[in-house]
Amino acid sequence: MPIDLASLRKLETPSPSMLAEPLDDARRVAVIVRLHANAPPPDCLSYGRAIAPGIVTAEIAAADLVGLETDPAVRSIALSHHLQSS
């Protein structure tokens, strides 16, 4: 089932190109997740990496974005962008 990024309130400003079409729920996406103070990371981030206190980066299935949206430990979600080589 496609994931409508526009429906995710915790998602930090996705680019217009990301909003243009829904993500397939099986697609892998790189995320940066900010957690509330002293909150443990959700299970879908268990293979992620803490890059600062309360900030975890991970690659997850797009379907897990819905779970992050409803998780009270999650403060915000950002989709990581691939950098273009020059």
N, C-alpha and C. Protein backbone atom coordinates (compact mmCIF):
# COMPACT_ATOMS: atom_id res chain seq x y z
N MET A 1 0.84 -1.18 0.00
CA MET A 1 0.00 0.00 0.00
C MET A 1 0.89 1.25 0.00
N PRO A 2 0.65 2.18 -0.88
CA PRO A 2 1.48 3.38 -0.96
C PRO A 2 1.38 4.25 0.30
N ILE A 3 2.49 4.91 0.63
CA ILE A 3 2.56 5.81 1.77
C ILE A 3 2.43 7.24 1.26
N ASP A 4 1.45 7.97 1.77
CA ASP A 4 1.24 9.37 1.39
C ASP A 4 2.05 10.24 2.36
N LEU A 5 3.17 10.76 1.89
CA LEU A 5 4.04 11.55 2.76
C LEU A 5 3.36 12.80 3.29
N ALA A 6 2.45 13.37 2.54
CA ALA A 6 1.76 14.59 2.97
C ALA A 6 0.90 14.35 4.22
N SER A 7 0.56 13.10 4.50
CA SER A 7 -0.28 12.80 5.67
C SER A 7 0.53 12.65 6.96
N LEU A 8 1.85 12.66 6.87
CA LEU A 8 2.70 12.46 8.05
C LEU A 8 3.04 13.82 8.67
N ARG A 9 2.45 14.11 9.82
CA ARG A 9 2.64 15.41 10.48
C ARG A 9 4.03 15.58 11.09
N LYS A 10 4.66 14.48 11.49
CA LYS A 10 5.98 14.58 12.10
C LYS A 10 7.10 14.67 11.07
N LEU A 11 6.77 14.52 9.80
CA LEU A 11 7.76 14.57 8.74
C LEU A 11 8.17 16.01 8.48
N GLU A 12 9.46 16.28 8.61
CA GLU A 12 9.98 17.63 8.37
C GLU A 12 10.00 17.92 6.88
N THR A 13 9.47 19.00 6.48
CA THR A 13 9.41 19.55 5.14
C THR A 13 10.04 18.69 4.03
N PRO A 14 9.26 17.75 3.50
CA PRO A 14 9.78 16.98 2.36
C PRO A 14 9.80 17.85 1.11
N SER A 15 10.69 17.56 0.21
CA SER A 15 10.78 18.34 -1.02
C SER A 15 9.55 18.07 -1.90
N PRO A 16 9.20 19.02 -2.76
CA PRO A 16 8.06 18.81 -3.66
C PRO A 16 8.18 17.54 -4.50
N SER A 17 9.41 17.20 -4.88
CA SER A 17 9.59 15.98 -5.69
C SER A 17 9.25 14.73 -4.87
N MET A 18 9.51 14.76 -3.56
CA MET A 18 9.17 13.62 -2.70
C MET A 18 7.65 13.50 -2.54
N LEU A 19 6.98 14.64 -2.52
CA LEU A 19 5.52 14.65 -2.35
C LEU A 19 4.77 14.33 -3.64
N ALA A 20 5.48 14.37 -4.76
CA ALA A 20 4.82 14.23 -6.06
C ALA A 20 4.08 12.91 -6.22
N GLU A 21 4.64 11.83 -5.70
CA GLU A 21 3.95 10.55 -5.80
C GLU A 21 4.18 9.74 -4.53
N PRO A 22 3.20 8.93 -4.14
CA PRO A 22 3.32 8.13 -2.92
C PRO A 22 4.47 7.13 -3.01
N LEU A 23 5.04 6.82 -1.86
CA LEU A 23 6.11 5.81 -1.79
C LEU A 23 5.50 4.43 -1.67
N ASP A 24 6.08 3.47 -2.36
CA ASP A 24 5.69 2.09 -2.17
C ASP A 24 6.12 1.70 -0.76
N ASP A 25 5.25 1.01 -0.01
CA ASP A 25 5.55 0.72 1.40
C ASP A 25 6.75 -0.20 1.59
N ALA A 26 7.16 -0.92 0.56
CA ALA A 26 8.32 -1.82 0.68
C ALA A 26 9.64 -1.10 0.34
N ARG A 27 9.56 0.09 -0.22
CA ARG A 27 10.77 0.82 -0.60
C ARG A 27 11.58 1.18 0.64
N ARG A 28 12.88 1.06 0.55
CA ARG A 28 13.78 1.41 1.65
C ARG A 28 14.08 2.91 1.57
N VAL A 29 13.99 3.59 2.70
CA VAL A 29 14.28 5.02 2.77
C VAL A 29 15.22 5.29 3.92
N ALA A 30 16.08 6.27 3.74
CA ALA A 30 16.99 6.68 4.80
C ALA A 30 16.31 7.80 5.59
N VAL A 31 16.30 7.66 6.91
CA VAL A 31 15.64 8.65 7.77
C VAL A 31 16.58 9.14 8.86
N ILE A 32 16.29 10.34 9.32
CA ILE A 32 16.92 10.90 10.51
C ILE A 32 15.77 11.18 11.47
N VAL A 33 15.81 10.56 12.64
CA VAL A 33 14.69 10.65 13.58
C VAL A 33 15.15 11.33 14.86
N ARG A 34 14.41 12.37 15.25
CA ARG A 34 14.66 13.06 16.52
C ARG A 34 13.69 12.49 17.54
N LEU A 35 14.22 12.11 18.69
CA LEU A 35 13.42 11.52 19.76
C LEU A 35 13.22 12.54 20.88
N HIS A 36 12.15 12.35 21.63
CA HIS A 36 11.96 13.17 22.83
C HIS A 36 13.03 12.79 23.85
N ALA A 37 13.33 13.68 24.76
CA ALA A 37 14.38 13.48 25.76
C ALA A 37 14.22 12.16 26.49
N ASN A 38 15.30 11.42 26.56
CA ASN A 38 15.40 10.14 27.27
C ASN A 38 14.49 9.05 26.73
N ALA A 39 13.95 9.22 25.54
CA ALA A 39 13.07 8.21 24.95
C ALA A 39 13.91 7.15 24.23
N PRO A 40 13.55 5.88 24.39
CA PRO A 40 14.25 4.84 23.65
C PRO A 40 13.81 4.85 22.19
N PRO A 41 14.70 4.49 21.27
CA PRO A 41 14.30 4.47 19.86
C PRO A 41 13.30 3.36 19.58
N PRO A 42 12.38 3.58 18.67
CA PRO A 42 11.43 2.54 18.27
C PRO A 42 12.16 1.33 17.68
N ASP A 43 11.52 0.18 17.70
CA ASP A 43 12.12 -1.06 17.22
C ASP A 43 12.61 -0.98 15.78
N CYS A 44 11.89 -0.27 14.92
CA CYS A 44 12.30 -0.22 13.51
C CYS A 44 13.64 0.50 13.32
N LEU A 45 14.10 1.19 14.36
CA LEU A 45 15.40 1.88 14.30
C LEU A 45 16.51 1.09 14.98
N SER A 46 16.24 -0.16 15.33
CA SER A 46 17.22 -0.94 16.10
C SER A 46 18.54 -1.15 15.36
N TYR A 47 18.52 -1.11 14.04
CA TYR A 47 19.76 -1.24 13.28
C TYR A 47 20.31 0.12 12.87
N GLY A 48 19.72 1.16 13.41
CA GLY A 48 20.17 2.51 13.11
C GLY A 48 21.40 2.88 13.91
N ARG A 49 21.80 4.11 13.73
CA ARG A 49 23.00 4.60 14.42
C ARG A 49 22.68 5.94 15.08
N ALA A 50 23.00 6.05 16.35
CA ALA A 50 22.83 7.32 17.05
C ALA A 50 23.94 8.26 16.58
N ILE A 51 23.56 9.43 16.09
CA ILE A 51 24.56 10.38 15.60
C ILE A 51 24.74 11.55 16.57
N ALA A 52 23.83 11.65 17.53
CA ALA A 52 23.88 12.65 18.59
C ALA A 52 22.85 12.21 19.62
N PRO A 53 22.91 12.75 20.84
CA PRO A 53 21.90 12.37 21.82
C PRO A 53 20.49 12.67 21.30
N GLY A 54 19.65 11.64 21.25
CA GLY A 54 18.27 11.80 20.81
C GLY A 54 18.07 11.88 19.31
N ILE A 55 19.12 11.59 18.53
CA ILE A 55 19.01 11.60 17.06
C ILE A 55 19.56 10.30 16.51
N VAL A 56 18.72 9.61 15.73
CA VAL A 56 19.10 8.31 15.16
C VAL A 56 18.90 8.36 13.66
N THR A 57 19.84 7.79 12.93
CA THR A 57 19.71 7.66 11.48
C THR A 57 19.62 6.18 11.15
N ALA A 58 18.79 5.84 10.17
CA ALA A 58 18.60 4.43 9.81
C ALA A 58 18.01 4.33 8.41
N GLU A 59 18.11 3.14 7.85
CA GLU A 59 17.40 2.82 6.62
C GLU A 59 16.26 1.90 7.01
N ILE A 60 15.04 2.28 6.64
CA ILE A 60 13.85 1.53 7.04
C ILE A 60 12.93 1.33 5.83
N ALA A 61 11.98 0.44 5.96
CA ALA A 61 10.94 0.31 4.94
C ALA A 61 10.01 1.51 5.05
N ALA A 62 9.53 2.02 3.93
CA ALA A 62 8.63 3.17 3.95
C ALA A 62 7.41 2.91 4.83
N ALA A 63 6.97 1.67 4.91
CA ALA A 63 5.82 1.32 5.76
C ALA A 63 6.08 1.67 7.22
N ASP A 64 7.34 1.65 7.64
CA ASP A 64 7.68 1.98 9.03
C ASP A 64 7.49 3.46 9.34
N LEU A 65 7.37 4.30 8.33
CA LEU A 65 7.12 5.73 8.57
C LEU A 65 5.81 5.95 9.32
N VAL A 66 4.82 5.13 9.02
CA VAL A 66 3.52 5.24 9.70
C VAL A 66 3.68 4.92 11.18
N GLY A 67 4.46 3.90 11.50
CA GLY A 67 4.72 3.54 12.89
C GLY A 67 5.48 4.63 13.63
N LEU A 68 6.45 5.25 12.95
CA LEU A 68 7.19 6.35 13.58
C LEU A 68 6.27 7.54 13.83
N GLU A 69 5.35 7.77 12.91
CA GLU A 69 4.39 8.87 13.05
C GLU A 69 3.56 8.72 14.32
N THR A 70 3.19 7.50 14.65
CA THR A 70 2.32 7.27 15.81
C THR A 70 3.07 6.97 17.10
N ASP A 71 4.39 6.85 17.02
CA ASP A 71 5.18 6.52 18.21
C ASP A 71 5.39 7.77 19.07
N PRO A 72 4.97 7.74 20.36
CA PRO A 72 5.12 8.92 21.21
C PRO A 72 6.58 9.30 21.50
N ALA A 73 7.52 8.39 21.28
CA ALA A 73 8.93 8.71 21.51
C ALA A 73 9.51 9.59 20.41
N VAL A 74 8.86 9.58 19.24
CA VAL A 74 9.38 10.29 18.08
C VAL A 74 8.92 11.75 18.07
N ARG A 75 9.89 12.63 17.98
CA ARG A 75 9.60 14.07 17.93
C ARG A 75 9.44 14.54 16.48
N SER A 76 10.34 14.09 15.60
CA SER A 76 10.25 14.45 14.19
C SER A 76 11.00 13.44 13.34
N ILE A 77 10.66 13.45 12.04
CA ILE A 77 11.27 12.53 11.07
C ILE A 77 11.72 13.36 9.88
N ALA A 78 12.90 13.09 9.39
CA ALA A 78 13.37 13.72 8.16
C ALA A 78 13.83 12.63 7.22
N LEU A 79 13.48 12.76 5.95
CA LEU A 79 13.99 11.84 4.94
C LEU A 79 15.35 12.34 4.51
N SER A 80 16.31 11.46 4.50
CA SER A 80 17.65 11.82 4.08
C SER A 80 17.69 11.94 2.56
N HIS A 81 18.39 12.93 2.08
CA HIS A 81 18.53 13.16 0.63
C HIS A 81 19.87 12.64 0.17
N HIS A 82 19.88 12.03 -1.00
CA HIS A 82 21.15 11.62 -1.59
C HIS A 82 21.84 12.85 -2.15
N LEU A 83 23.13 12.95 -1.90
CA LEU A 83 23.90 14.07 -2.42
C LEU A 83 24.30 13.77 -3.84
N GLN A 84 24.21 14.78 -4.70
CA GLN A 84 24.61 14.61 -6.09
C GLN A 84 26.10 14.90 -6.21
N SER A 85 26.78 14.06 -6.98
CA SER A 85 28.19 14.31 -7.18
C SER A 85 28.35 15.40 -8.25
N SER A 86 29.40 16.17 -8.13
CA SER A 86 29.59 17.26 -9.09
C SER A 86 30.56 16.88 -10.18
